[in-house]
Amino acid sequence: MKTRHLWLPGVLFLTFVFVGPLRAQKSDLENTLTNTERQLWEAWKNKDAATFEKTLDPNAVTMSDKGLEDRTASIKDISGGNCQVRSYTLTDTKVTQIDKDTVLLTYKANQDATCDGKKVPSIVNASSIYEKHGDKWQPIFHQETPLPESAVTGSQSPSSR
């Protein structure tokens, strides 16, 4: 009777080896939305209004330090703004399905940029809400919350030293 249970460790090992990494992989939707966000960040870096015109939902709004801006004002700020973006990375992406046609994408952005001669926050937590129109996902809302510089540079936990 005891030999019947010898297969259990093997099944658990195979489950961990083959299924565990699959859970860590990003979904197709998360990859699609993350790629769209990267295209928009690249467009910001290059002051490329056409990419925003093509990508943003007609009713898109952005929440920034200027308050709530509609699509037209956002595109004007991005393409005509005095920003120099040297680099950026997007990490820690997560998709939360709100309903079948609405998704929240959250992530952390590290950026090296200045706008109007002032350094922008080096790390922000960002969120974008996407709506599906036909087979296309379009951002309808975007916001960024800067991390305090003390959180970025000052404090290290003992385990990270």
N, C-alpha and C. Protein backbone atom coordinates (compact mmCIF):
# COMPACT_ATOMS: atom_id res chain seq x y z
N MET A 1 0.80 -1.19 0.00
CA MET A 1 0.00 0.00 0.00
C MET A 1 0.85 1.26 0.00
N LYS A 2 1.93 1.28 0.68
CA LYS A 2 2.78 2.46 0.75
C LYS A 2 3.41 2.78 -0.60
N THR A 3 3.65 1.80 -1.43
CA THR A 3 4.27 2.05 -2.74
C THR A 3 3.34 2.82 -3.66
N ARG A 4 2.07 2.77 -3.41
CA ARG A 4 1.11 3.50 -4.24
C ARG A 4 1.32 5.02 -4.16
N HIS A 5 1.85 5.52 -3.10
CA HIS A 5 2.01 6.95 -2.90
C HIS A 5 3.39 7.46 -3.31
N LEU A 6 4.22 6.59 -3.85
CA LEU A 6 5.56 7.02 -4.27
C LEU A 6 5.51 7.98 -5.46
N TRP A 7 4.50 7.96 -6.24
CA TRP A 7 4.40 8.84 -7.41
C TRP A 7 4.10 10.28 -7.01
N LEU A 8 3.55 10.51 -5.82
CA LEU A 8 3.15 11.86 -5.39
C LEU A 8 4.30 12.86 -5.41
N PRO A 9 5.49 12.56 -4.86
CA PRO A 9 6.58 13.54 -4.94
C PRO A 9 6.96 13.88 -6.38
N GLY A 10 6.92 12.89 -7.26
CA GLY A 10 7.24 13.16 -8.67
C GLY A 10 6.23 14.08 -9.31
N VAL A 11 4.95 13.87 -9.03
CA VAL A 11 3.90 14.74 -9.58
C VAL A 11 4.05 16.16 -9.04
N LEU A 12 4.31 16.28 -7.75
CA LEU A 12 4.51 17.61 -7.16
C LEU A 12 5.71 18.32 -7.78
N PHE A 13 6.80 17.59 -7.97
CA PHE A 13 8.00 18.17 -8.58
C PHE A 13 7.70 18.63 -10.00
N LEU A 14 7.06 17.79 -10.80
CA LEU A 14 6.75 18.16 -12.19
C LEU A 14 5.78 19.35 -12.24
N THR A 15 4.82 19.37 -11.32
CA THR A 15 3.90 20.51 -11.26
C THR A 15 4.66 21.79 -10.98
N PHE A 16 5.58 21.75 -10.02
CA PHE A 16 6.37 22.93 -9.68
C PHE A 16 7.24 23.36 -10.85
N VAL A 17 7.90 22.41 -11.50
CA VAL A 17 8.84 22.72 -12.59
C VAL A 17 8.12 23.26 -13.82
N PHE A 18 7.00 22.63 -14.20
CA PHE A 18 6.36 23.00 -15.46
C PHE A 18 5.22 24.01 -15.30
N VAL A 19 4.46 23.93 -14.25
CA VAL A 19 3.32 24.83 -14.08
C VAL A 19 3.74 26.11 -13.38
N GLY A 20 4.63 26.04 -12.42
CA GLY A 20 5.07 27.23 -11.68
C GLY A 20 5.55 28.33 -12.61
N PRO A 21 6.49 28.06 -13.52
CA PRO A 21 6.95 29.11 -14.43
C PRO A 21 5.86 29.64 -15.35
N LEU A 22 4.86 28.81 -15.68
CA LEU A 22 3.79 29.29 -16.53
C LEU A 22 2.98 30.37 -15.85
N ARG A 23 2.80 30.25 -14.55
CA ARG A 23 2.07 31.28 -13.82
C ARG A 23 2.84 32.59 -13.81
N ALA A 24 4.14 32.53 -13.84
CA ALA A 24 4.96 33.73 -13.79
C ALA A 24 4.99 34.45 -15.15
N GLN A 25 4.63 33.75 -16.21
CA GLN A 25 4.65 34.37 -17.53
C GLN A 25 3.50 35.37 -17.63
N LYS A 26 3.73 36.44 -18.39
CA LYS A 26 2.70 37.44 -18.58
C LYS A 26 1.69 36.95 -19.60
N SER A 27 0.45 37.39 -19.44
CA SER A 27 -0.59 37.04 -20.39
C SER A 27 -0.38 37.81 -21.69
N ASP A 28 -1.01 37.34 -22.74
CA ASP A 28 -0.95 38.05 -24.02
C ASP A 28 -1.49 39.48 -23.86
N LEU A 29 -2.56 39.63 -23.10
CA LEU A 29 -3.13 40.95 -22.88
C LEU A 29 -2.14 41.86 -22.16
N GLU A 30 -1.50 41.35 -21.12
CA GLU A 30 -0.52 42.17 -20.38
C GLU A 30 0.64 42.57 -21.30
N ASN A 31 1.10 41.65 -22.11
CA ASN A 31 2.17 41.98 -23.07
C ASN A 31 1.72 43.04 -24.07
N THR A 32 0.51 42.91 -24.58
CA THR A 32 -0.02 43.88 -25.53
C THR A 32 -0.10 45.27 -24.92
N LEU A 33 -0.67 45.36 -23.73
CA LEU A 33 -0.83 46.66 -23.08
C LEU A 33 0.51 47.25 -22.66
N THR A 34 1.41 46.42 -22.17
CA THR A 34 2.74 46.91 -21.79
C THR A 34 3.49 47.42 -23.02
N ASN A 35 3.37 46.73 -24.14
CA ASN A 35 4.00 47.21 -25.37
C ASN A 35 3.40 48.53 -25.82
N THR A 36 2.09 48.68 -25.68
CA THR A 36 1.45 49.95 -26.03
C THR A 36 1.97 51.06 -25.13
N GLU A 37 2.08 50.80 -23.83
CA GLU A 37 2.62 51.82 -22.91
C GLU A 37 4.05 52.21 -23.31
N ARG A 38 4.87 51.21 -23.65
CA ARG A 38 6.25 51.51 -24.06
C ARG A 38 6.27 52.37 -25.33
N GLN A 39 5.37 52.08 -26.26
CA GLN A 39 5.29 52.90 -27.47
C GLN A 39 4.92 54.34 -27.13
N LEU A 40 4.02 54.52 -26.17
CA LEU A 40 3.63 55.87 -25.76
C LEU A 40 4.76 56.58 -25.03
N TRP A 41 5.50 55.86 -24.20
CA TRP A 41 6.66 56.48 -23.53
C TRP A 41 7.71 56.87 -24.57
N GLU A 42 7.91 56.02 -25.56
CA GLU A 42 8.87 56.34 -26.62
C GLU A 42 8.40 57.56 -27.42
N ALA A 43 7.10 57.63 -27.64
CA ALA A 43 6.54 58.79 -28.34
C ALA A 43 6.73 60.06 -27.51
N TRP A 44 6.58 59.97 -26.19
CA TRP A 44 6.84 61.12 -25.31
C TRP A 44 8.29 61.54 -25.45
N LYS A 45 9.19 60.55 -25.41
CA LYS A 45 10.63 60.83 -25.54
C LYS A 45 10.93 61.55 -26.85
N ASN A 46 10.25 61.15 -27.92
CA ASN A 46 10.50 61.71 -29.25
C ASN A 46 9.55 62.84 -29.64
N LYS A 47 8.69 63.26 -28.71
CA LYS A 47 7.70 64.32 -28.98
C LYS A 47 6.86 63.98 -30.21
N ASP A 48 6.45 62.74 -30.28
CA ASP A 48 5.73 62.18 -31.42
C ASP A 48 4.22 62.21 -31.17
N ALA A 49 3.58 63.29 -31.55
CA ALA A 49 2.14 63.45 -31.34
C ALA A 49 1.34 62.43 -32.14
N ALA A 50 1.83 62.03 -33.31
CA ALA A 50 1.08 61.11 -34.17
C ALA A 50 0.80 59.78 -33.48
N THR A 51 1.75 59.27 -32.73
CA THR A 51 1.52 58.00 -32.02
C THR A 51 0.41 58.16 -30.99
N PHE A 52 0.38 59.29 -30.29
CA PHE A 52 -0.69 59.52 -29.32
C PHE A 52 -2.03 59.69 -30.03
N GLU A 53 -2.04 60.42 -31.14
CA GLU A 53 -3.28 60.60 -31.92
C GLU A 53 -3.84 59.25 -32.34
N LYS A 54 -2.96 58.36 -32.78
CA LYS A 54 -3.35 57.05 -33.30
C LYS A 54 -3.77 56.10 -32.18
N THR A 55 -3.20 56.24 -30.99
CA THR A 55 -3.35 55.24 -29.94
C THR A 55 -4.43 55.58 -28.92
N LEU A 56 -4.50 56.84 -28.50
CA LEU A 56 -5.42 57.21 -27.42
C LEU A 56 -6.88 57.13 -27.84
N ASP A 57 -7.71 56.71 -26.92
CA ASP A 57 -9.16 56.73 -27.10
C ASP A 57 -9.60 58.18 -27.32
N PRO A 58 -10.61 58.42 -28.16
CA PRO A 58 -11.06 59.81 -28.38
C PRO A 58 -11.47 60.55 -27.11
N ASN A 59 -11.88 59.82 -26.07
CA ASN A 59 -12.30 60.45 -24.82
C ASN A 59 -11.24 60.36 -23.73
N ALA A 60 -10.00 60.07 -24.09
CA ALA A 60 -8.93 59.87 -23.12
C ALA A 60 -8.67 61.12 -22.29
N VAL A 61 -8.34 60.89 -21.02
CA VAL A 61 -7.94 61.96 -20.10
C VAL A 61 -6.68 61.53 -19.36
N THR A 62 -5.94 62.52 -18.91
CA THR A 62 -4.72 62.29 -18.15
C THR A 62 -4.78 63.11 -16.88
N MET A 63 -4.41 62.49 -15.75
CA MET A 63 -4.31 63.21 -14.49
C MET A 63 -2.83 63.49 -14.26
N SER A 64 -2.47 64.76 -14.20
CA SER A 64 -1.07 65.13 -14.00
C SER A 64 -0.98 66.22 -12.94
N ASP A 65 0.22 66.76 -12.76
CA ASP A 65 0.39 67.85 -11.80
C ASP A 65 -0.36 69.11 -12.24
N LYS A 66 -0.81 69.12 -13.49
CA LYS A 66 -1.62 70.24 -14.00
C LYS A 66 -3.11 70.00 -13.78
N GLY A 67 -3.45 68.84 -13.23
CA GLY A 67 -4.86 68.48 -13.04
C GLY A 67 -5.32 67.56 -14.15
N LEU A 68 -6.61 67.49 -14.33
CA LEU A 68 -7.19 66.62 -15.35
C LEU A 68 -7.10 67.30 -16.71
N GLU A 69 -6.50 66.60 -17.67
CA GLU A 69 -6.36 67.14 -19.03
C GLU A 69 -7.08 66.22 -20.01
N ASP A 70 -7.76 66.83 -20.97
CA ASP A 70 -8.38 66.02 -22.00
C ASP A 70 -7.33 65.57 -23.02
N ARG A 71 -7.76 64.79 -23.97
CA ARG A 71 -6.86 64.21 -24.97
C ARG A 71 -6.08 65.28 -25.73
N THR A 72 -6.76 66.32 -26.17
CA THR A 72 -6.11 67.38 -26.95
C THR A 72 -5.03 68.09 -26.14
N ALA A 73 -5.34 68.44 -24.90
CA ALA A 73 -4.35 69.12 -24.04
C ALA A 73 -3.17 68.20 -23.73
N SER A 74 -3.45 66.93 -23.49
CA SER A 74 -2.38 65.97 -23.21
C SER A 74 -1.43 65.85 -24.39
N ILE A 75 -1.98 65.70 -25.58
CA ILE A 75 -1.14 65.55 -26.78
C ILE A 75 -0.34 66.82 -27.03
N LYS A 76 -0.95 67.98 -26.80
CA LYS A 76 -0.24 69.25 -26.97
C LYS A 76 0.93 69.34 -26.00
N ASP A 77 0.71 68.96 -24.73
CA ASP A 77 1.79 69.00 -23.73
C ASP A 77 2.92 68.05 -24.10
N ILE A 78 2.56 66.88 -24.57
CA ILE A 78 3.56 65.87 -24.89
C ILE A 78 4.39 66.27 -26.10
N SER A 79 3.74 66.73 -27.14
CA SER A 79 4.46 67.02 -28.38
C SER A 79 5.12 68.40 -28.36
N GLY A 80 4.55 69.32 -27.62
CA GLY A 80 5.09 70.67 -27.62
C GLY A 80 5.82 71.05 -26.35
N GLY A 81 5.83 70.12 -25.40
CA GLY A 81 6.45 70.40 -24.12
C GLY A 81 7.97 70.47 -24.22
N ASN A 82 8.55 71.09 -23.22
CA ASN A 82 10.00 71.25 -23.17
C ASN A 82 10.60 70.15 -22.30
N CYS A 83 10.45 68.89 -22.74
CA CYS A 83 10.97 67.76 -21.99
C CYS A 83 12.09 67.07 -22.76
N GLN A 84 13.13 66.72 -22.05
CA GLN A 84 14.21 65.91 -22.60
C GLN A 84 14.22 64.60 -21.83
N VAL A 85 13.87 63.53 -22.53
CA VAL A 85 13.82 62.21 -21.91
C VAL A 85 15.07 61.45 -22.35
N ARG A 86 15.92 61.14 -21.40
CA ARG A 86 17.15 60.42 -21.72
C ARG A 86 16.93 58.91 -21.68
N SER A 87 16.16 58.43 -20.71
CA SER A 87 15.89 56.99 -20.63
C SER A 87 14.68 56.75 -19.75
N TYR A 88 14.13 55.55 -19.88
CA TYR A 88 13.01 55.12 -19.04
C TYR A 88 12.95 53.60 -19.08
N THR A 89 12.39 53.01 -18.04
CA THR A 89 12.08 51.58 -18.01
C THR A 89 10.74 51.41 -17.32
N LEU A 90 10.00 50.44 -17.75
CA LEU A 90 8.71 50.10 -17.14
C LEU A 90 8.85 48.71 -16.53
N THR A 91 8.51 48.60 -15.25
CA THR A 91 8.64 47.32 -14.55
C THR A 91 7.38 47.05 -13.72
N ASP A 92 7.33 45.86 -13.18
CA ASP A 92 6.27 45.46 -12.24
C ASP A 92 4.87 45.64 -12.82
N THR A 93 4.70 45.31 -14.10
CA THR A 93 3.39 45.46 -14.72
C THR A 93 2.39 44.46 -14.16
N LYS A 94 1.16 44.91 -14.06
CA LYS A 94 0.07 44.05 -13.58
C LYS A 94 -1.22 44.47 -14.27
N VAL A 95 -1.96 43.50 -14.75
CA VAL A 95 -3.25 43.75 -15.38
C VAL A 95 -4.36 43.31 -14.43
N THR A 96 -5.34 44.17 -14.24
CA THR A 96 -6.53 43.84 -13.47
C THR A 96 -7.74 44.04 -14.37
N GLN A 97 -8.47 42.96 -14.62
CA GLN A 97 -9.65 43.03 -15.48
C GLN A 97 -10.79 43.67 -14.70
N ILE A 98 -11.34 44.76 -15.22
CA ILE A 98 -12.46 45.43 -14.57
C ILE A 98 -13.77 44.83 -15.08
N ASP A 99 -13.88 44.71 -16.39
CA ASP A 99 -14.96 43.95 -17.02
C ASP A 99 -14.42 43.45 -18.36
N LYS A 100 -15.26 42.86 -19.19
CA LYS A 100 -14.73 42.21 -20.39
C LYS A 100 -14.08 43.20 -21.36
N ASP A 101 -14.44 44.47 -21.29
CA ASP A 101 -13.90 45.47 -22.21
C ASP A 101 -13.11 46.58 -21.51
N THR A 102 -12.77 46.39 -20.24
CA THR A 102 -12.05 47.42 -19.49
C THR A 102 -10.99 46.76 -18.62
N VAL A 103 -9.76 47.29 -18.70
CA VAL A 103 -8.64 46.72 -17.97
C VAL A 103 -7.82 47.84 -17.34
N LEU A 104 -7.34 47.58 -16.13
CA LEU A 104 -6.42 48.48 -15.45
C LEU A 104 -5.01 47.91 -15.58
N LEU A 105 -4.08 48.70 -16.10
CA LEU A 105 -2.67 48.32 -16.16
C LEU A 105 -1.92 49.19 -15.17
N THR A 106 -1.21 48.57 -14.24
CA THR A 106 -0.39 49.31 -13.29
C THR A 106 1.06 48.90 -13.48
N TYR A 107 1.97 49.83 -13.20
CA TYR A 107 3.40 49.54 -13.33
C TYR A 107 4.22 50.62 -12.65
N LYS A 108 5.51 50.36 -12.56
CA LYS A 108 6.46 51.33 -12.03
C LYS A 108 7.31 51.80 -13.20
N ALA A 109 7.52 53.11 -13.29
CA ALA A 109 8.37 53.67 -14.35
C ALA A 109 9.57 54.36 -13.70
N ASN A 110 10.75 53.98 -14.17
CA ASN A 110 11.99 54.66 -13.80
C ASN A 110 12.34 55.55 -14.97
N GLN A 111 12.60 56.82 -14.71
CA GLN A 111 12.85 57.74 -15.82
C GLN A 111 13.97 58.71 -15.48
N ASP A 112 14.70 59.06 -16.52
CA ASP A 112 15.73 60.09 -16.42
C ASP A 112 15.32 61.16 -17.41
N ALA A 113 14.67 62.20 -16.91
CA ALA A 113 14.11 63.23 -17.78
C ALA A 113 14.05 64.57 -17.05
N THR A 114 14.03 65.62 -17.84
CA THR A 114 13.80 66.97 -17.31
C THR A 114 12.71 67.62 -18.16
N CYS A 115 11.89 68.42 -17.53
CA CYS A 115 10.86 69.20 -18.22
C CYS A 115 10.97 70.63 -17.74
N ASP A 116 11.04 71.54 -18.68
CA ASP A 116 11.21 72.96 -18.36
C ASP A 116 12.41 73.18 -17.45
N GLY A 117 13.47 72.41 -17.69
CA GLY A 117 14.71 72.55 -16.95
C GLY A 117 14.72 71.91 -15.56
N LYS A 118 13.61 71.28 -15.15
CA LYS A 118 13.51 70.66 -13.83
C LYS A 118 13.48 69.15 -13.97
N LYS A 119 14.25 68.48 -13.12
CA LYS A 119 14.25 67.01 -13.13
C LYS A 119 12.87 66.50 -12.73
N VAL A 120 12.36 65.57 -13.51
CA VAL A 120 11.08 64.96 -13.14
C VAL A 120 11.35 63.84 -12.14
N PRO A 121 10.36 63.45 -11.36
CA PRO A 121 10.58 62.37 -10.40
C PRO A 121 11.18 61.15 -11.09
N SER A 122 12.20 60.57 -10.49
CA SER A 122 12.90 59.47 -11.14
C SER A 122 12.11 58.17 -11.13
N ILE A 123 11.22 57.99 -10.17
CA ILE A 123 10.37 56.79 -10.14
C ILE A 123 8.93 57.21 -9.89
N VAL A 124 8.04 56.68 -10.71
CA VAL A 124 6.61 56.92 -10.52
C VAL A 124 5.87 55.59 -10.56
N ASN A 125 4.80 55.52 -9.79
CA ASN A 125 3.83 54.43 -9.94
C ASN A 125 2.79 54.95 -10.92
N ALA A 126 2.53 54.17 -11.95
CA ALA A 126 1.62 54.63 -13.01
C ALA A 126 0.45 53.67 -13.17
N SER A 127 -0.65 54.22 -13.66
CA SER A 127 -1.79 53.37 -13.99
C SER A 127 -2.45 53.92 -15.25
N SER A 128 -2.90 53.00 -16.06
CA SER A 128 -3.64 53.34 -17.28
C SER A 128 -4.86 52.43 -17.35
N ILE A 129 -5.97 53.01 -17.71
CA ILE A 129 -7.18 52.23 -17.95
C ILE A 129 -7.36 52.12 -19.45
N TYR A 130 -7.55 50.89 -19.91
CA TYR A 130 -7.75 50.61 -21.33
C TYR A 130 -9.17 50.12 -21.55
N GLU A 131 -9.76 50.57 -22.68
CA GLU A 131 -11.05 50.06 -23.12
C GLU A 131 -10.86 49.36 -24.45
N LYS A 132 -11.63 48.31 -24.65
CA LYS A 132 -11.55 47.55 -25.89
C LYS A 132 -12.63 48.04 -26.84
N HIS A 133 -12.20 48.38 -28.04
CA HIS A 133 -13.11 48.81 -29.11
C HIS A 133 -12.84 47.90 -30.29
N GLY A 134 -13.78 46.99 -30.56
CA GLY A 134 -13.54 45.97 -31.58
C GLY A 134 -12.46 45.04 -31.07
N ASP A 135 -11.36 44.93 -31.81
CA ASP A 135 -10.25 44.09 -31.35
C ASP A 135 -9.06 44.93 -30.88
N LYS A 136 -9.29 46.23 -30.68
CA LYS A 136 -8.21 47.15 -30.31
C LYS A 136 -8.41 47.69 -28.89
N TRP A 137 -7.33 47.61 -28.08
CA TRP A 137 -7.33 48.18 -26.74
C TRP A 137 -6.76 49.59 -26.81
N GLN A 138 -7.49 50.57 -26.26
CA GLN A 138 -7.03 51.96 -26.27
C GLN A 138 -7.02 52.53 -24.87
N PRO A 139 -5.95 53.28 -24.53
CA PRO A 139 -5.93 53.93 -23.22
C PRO A 139 -6.95 55.06 -23.17
N ILE A 140 -7.73 55.06 -22.09
CA ILE A 140 -8.73 56.10 -21.89
C ILE A 140 -8.39 56.98 -20.69
N PHE A 141 -7.49 56.49 -19.82
CA PHE A 141 -7.10 57.24 -18.63
C PHE A 141 -5.66 56.87 -18.27
N HIS A 142 -4.88 57.89 -17.85
CA HIS A 142 -3.52 57.64 -17.39
C HIS A 142 -3.20 58.61 -16.26
N GLN A 143 -2.45 58.10 -15.26
CA GLN A 143 -1.99 58.95 -14.16
C GLN A 143 -0.67 58.39 -13.64
N GLU A 144 0.11 59.25 -13.02
CA GLU A 144 1.38 58.86 -12.41
C GLU A 144 1.49 59.48 -11.03
N THR A 145 1.97 58.69 -10.08
CA THR A 145 2.19 59.16 -8.73
C THR A 145 3.68 59.03 -8.42
N PRO A 146 4.36 60.17 -8.23
CA PRO A 146 5.81 60.11 -7.94
C PRO A 146 6.08 59.46 -6.60
N LEU A 147 7.15 58.68 -6.54
CA LEU A 147 7.64 58.18 -5.27
C LEU A 147 8.49 59.27 -4.65
N PRO A 148 8.40 59.47 -3.34
CA PRO A 148 9.24 60.48 -2.70
C PRO A 148 10.72 60.13 -2.91
N GLU A 149 11.54 61.14 -3.11
CA GLU A 149 12.97 60.91 -3.32
C GLU A 149 13.60 60.13 -2.16
N SER A 150 13.06 60.33 -0.94
CA SER A 150 13.60 59.58 0.20
C SER A 150 13.38 58.08 0.01
N ALA A 151 12.28 57.71 -0.62
CA ALA A 151 12.03 56.29 -0.88
C ALA A 151 12.93 55.77 -1.99
N VAL A 152 13.34 56.66 -2.88
CA VAL A 152 14.17 56.26 -4.01
C VAL A 152 15.63 56.14 -3.61
N THR A 153 16.14 57.12 -2.84
CA THR A 153 17.57 57.16 -2.55
C THR A 153 17.94 56.92 -1.10
N GLY A 154 17.07 57.30 -0.18
CA GLY A 154 17.49 57.35 1.21
C GLY A 154 17.42 56.06 2.00
N SER A 155 16.35 55.34 1.89
CA SER A 155 16.18 54.23 2.81
C SER A 155 16.42 52.89 2.13
N GLN A 156 17.28 52.13 2.74
CA GLN A 156 17.49 50.75 2.31
C GLN A 156 17.17 49.87 3.49
N SER A 157 16.43 48.84 3.22
CA SER A 157 16.16 47.91 4.31
C SER A 157 17.41 47.12 4.61
N PRO A 158 17.55 46.64 5.84
CA PRO A 158 18.75 45.88 6.18
C PRO A 158 18.96 44.69 5.27
N SER A 159 17.90 44.08 4.76
CA SER A 159 18.07 42.91 3.90
C SER A 159 18.56 43.27 2.50
N SER A 160 18.44 44.55 2.10
CA SER A 160 18.88 44.93 0.76
C SER A 160 20.28 45.51 0.73
N ARG A 161 20.92 45.60 1.87
CA ARG A 161 22.28 46.15 1.93
C ARG A 161 23.32 45.14 1.55
